Amino acid sequence: MEAEVDKLELMFQKADSDLDYIQYRLEYEIKTNHPDSAGEKNAVAILKELSAIKSRYQALCARFKPLSVEQKESKSRIGATLSKTMTMIQELQKHTDLELTTLTEEEKAVTEQLKPHMPDL
């Protein structure tokens, strides 16, 4: 899940950078190829729209950042709780002389999926 969050954050950063470059290129093209006033009016409108789009991307990034932080914290808390729970179950099994059961195929599959995120498993 964290990888997806990082990917989205990188996509927003790249989009912001791309918009800066496009704006720079448009301004350059307008100055060099369209010195007449009619062309400038259309170009100005385009640049204003581009600037508005960039502002929306920045607003999305700003709204996205706290979600990303909260998601990472939640993942960490869930992992810690799960790890403690598994440790407690194992300790209870040892103290009550219960036989330690082997994991089912489904449990093994879930454990394998969680290992990259929780190395303690």
Protein backbone atom coordinates (compact mmCIF):
# COMPACT_ATOMS: atom_id res chain seq x y z
CA MET A 1 0.00 0.00 0.00
CA GLU A 2 2.86 2.33 0.83
CA ALA A 3 4.37 1.74 -2.60
CA GLU A 4 1.15 2.88 -4.25
CA VAL A 5 1.13 6.03 -2.12
CA ASP A 6 4.72 6.77 -3.08
CA LYS A 7 3.90 6.18 -6.75
CA LEU A 8 0.99 8.62 -6.60
CA GLU A 9 3.15 11.20 -4.88
CA LEU A 10 5.82 10.82 -7.56
CA MET A 11 3.19 11.10 -10.28
CA PHE A 12 1.97 14.39 -8.82
CA GLN A 13 5.53 15.70 -8.60
CA LYS A 14 6.22 14.69 -12.18
CA ALA A 15 2.98 16.28 -13.38
CA ASP A 16 3.92 19.50 -11.62
CA SER A 17 7.34 19.45 -13.22
CA ASP A 18 5.86 18.68 -16.64
CA LEU A 19 3.45 21.59 -16.32
CA ASP A 20 6.33 23.93 -15.50
CA TYR A 21 8.19 22.75 -18.57
CA ILE A 22 5.13 23.07 -20.82
CA GLN A 23 4.51 26.59 -19.57
CA TYR A 24 8.13 27.52 -20.24
CA ARG A 25 8.00 26.04 -23.76
CA LEU A 26 4.72 27.79 -24.56
CA GLU A 27 6.05 31.13 -23.43
CA TYR A 28 9.17 30.62 -25.53
CA GLU A 29 7.20 29.55 -28.61
CA ILE A 30 4.84 32.50 -28.29
CA LYS A 31 7.68 34.99 -28.04
CA THR A 32 9.61 33.57 -30.98
CA ASN A 33 6.90 32.41 -33.40
CA HIS A 34 3.82 34.54 -32.71
CA PRO A 35 4.71 38.15 -32.12
CA ASP A 36 1.31 39.39 -33.38
CA SER A 37 -1.23 40.44 -30.76
CA ALA A 38 -3.98 38.03 -31.86
CA GLY A 39 -1.74 35.07 -31.21
CA GLU A 40 -0.75 36.45 -27.83
CA LYS A 41 -4.36 36.65 -26.64
CA ASN A 42 -4.93 32.95 -27.33
CA ALA A 43 -1.61 32.05 -25.80
CA VAL A 44 -2.34 34.10 -22.70
CA ALA A 45 -5.63 32.27 -22.24
CA ILE A 46 -3.85 28.95 -22.58
CA LEU A 47 -1.19 29.97 -20.08
CA LYS A 48 -3.85 31.06 -17.59
CA GLU A 49 -5.57 27.71 -17.93
CA LEU A 50 -2.26 25.93 -17.52
CA SER A 51 -1.54 27.95 -14.41
CA ALA A 52 -4.98 27.06 -13.01
CA ILE A 53 -4.36 23.37 -13.69
CA LYS A 54 -1.00 23.58 -11.96
CA SER A 55 -2.66 25.19 -8.94
CA ARG A 56 -5.18 22.35 -8.78
CA TYR A 57 -2.38 19.77 -8.89
CA GLN A 58 -0.58 21.56 -6.08
CA ALA A 59 -3.79 21.64 -4.04
CA LEU A 60 -4.26 17.90 -4.60
CA CYS A 61 -0.68 17.26 -3.52
CA ALA A 62 -1.22 19.33 -0.38
CA ARG A 63 -4.39 17.39 0.44
CA PHE A 64 -2.71 14.08 -0.35
CA LYS A 65 0.33 14.56 1.92
CA PRO A 66 -1.49 14.20 5.30
CA LEU A 67 -3.30 11.13 3.99
CA SER A 68 0.00 9.56 3.08
CA VAL A 69 1.45 10.23 6.53
CA GLU A 70 -1.65 8.89 8.26
CA GLN A 71 -1.65 5.78 6.09
CA LYS A 72 1.99 5.03 6.94
CA GLU A 73 1.29 5.49 10.66
CA SER A 74 -1.78 3.25 10.49
CA LYS A 75 0.17 0.57 8.67
CA SER A 76 2.87 0.71 11.31
CA ARG A 77 0.35 0.45 14.18
CA ILE A 78 -1.51 -2.43 12.52
CA GLY A 79 1.77 -4.26 11.93
CA ALA A 80 2.88 -3.79 15.53
CA THR A 81 -0.48 -4.97 16.85
CA LEU A 82 -0.48 -8.02 14.60
CA SER A 83 3.06 -8.89 15.57
CA LYS A 84 2.25 -8.58 19.30
CA THR A 85 -0.88 -10.68 18.85
CA MET A 86 1.03 -13.45 17.09
CA THR A 87 3.69 -13.40 19.82
CA MET A 88 1.04 -13.59 22.55
CA ILE A 89 -0.66 -16.53 20.84
CA GLN A 90 2.64 -18.38 20.57
CA GLU A 91 3.43 -17.68 24.24
CA LEU A 92 -0.03 -18.86 25.30
CA GLN A 93 0.39 -22.04 23.31
CA LYS A 94 3.73 -22.71 25.01
CA HIS A 95 2.43 -22.00 28.53
CA THR A 96 -0.73 -24.05 28.15
CA ASP A 97 1.13 -26.96 26.61
CA LEU A 98 -1.00 -26.72 23.52
CA GLU A 99 0.44 -28.18 20.41
CA LEU A 100 1.78 -25.53 18.06
CA THR A 101 -0.31 -25.94 14.97
CA THR A 102 1.10 -25.54 11.54
CA LEU A 103 -0.29 -22.80 9.35
CA THR A 104 -2.93 -23.59 6.78
CA GLU A 105 -2.20 -22.86 3.13
CA GLU A 106 -4.30 -19.69 3.34
CA GLU A 107 -2.44 -18.52 6.45
CA LYS A 108 0.89 -19.24 4.76
CA ALA A 109 -0.16 -17.21 1.71
CA VAL A 110 -1.22 -14.25 3.86
CA THR A 111 2.02 -14.47 5.84
CA GLU A 112 4.03 -14.36 2.63
CA GLN A 113 2.11 -11.31 1.46
CA LEU A 114 2.73 -9.52 4.76
CA LYS A 115 6.44 -10.35 5.09
CA PRO A 116 7.68 -7.48 2.90
CA HIS A 117 5.72 -5.05 5.06
CA MET A 118 6.37 -6.72 8.42
CA PRO A 119 9.75 -8.46 8.62
CA ASP A 120 9.01 -9.76 12.14
CA LEU A 121 6.59 -12.40 10.83
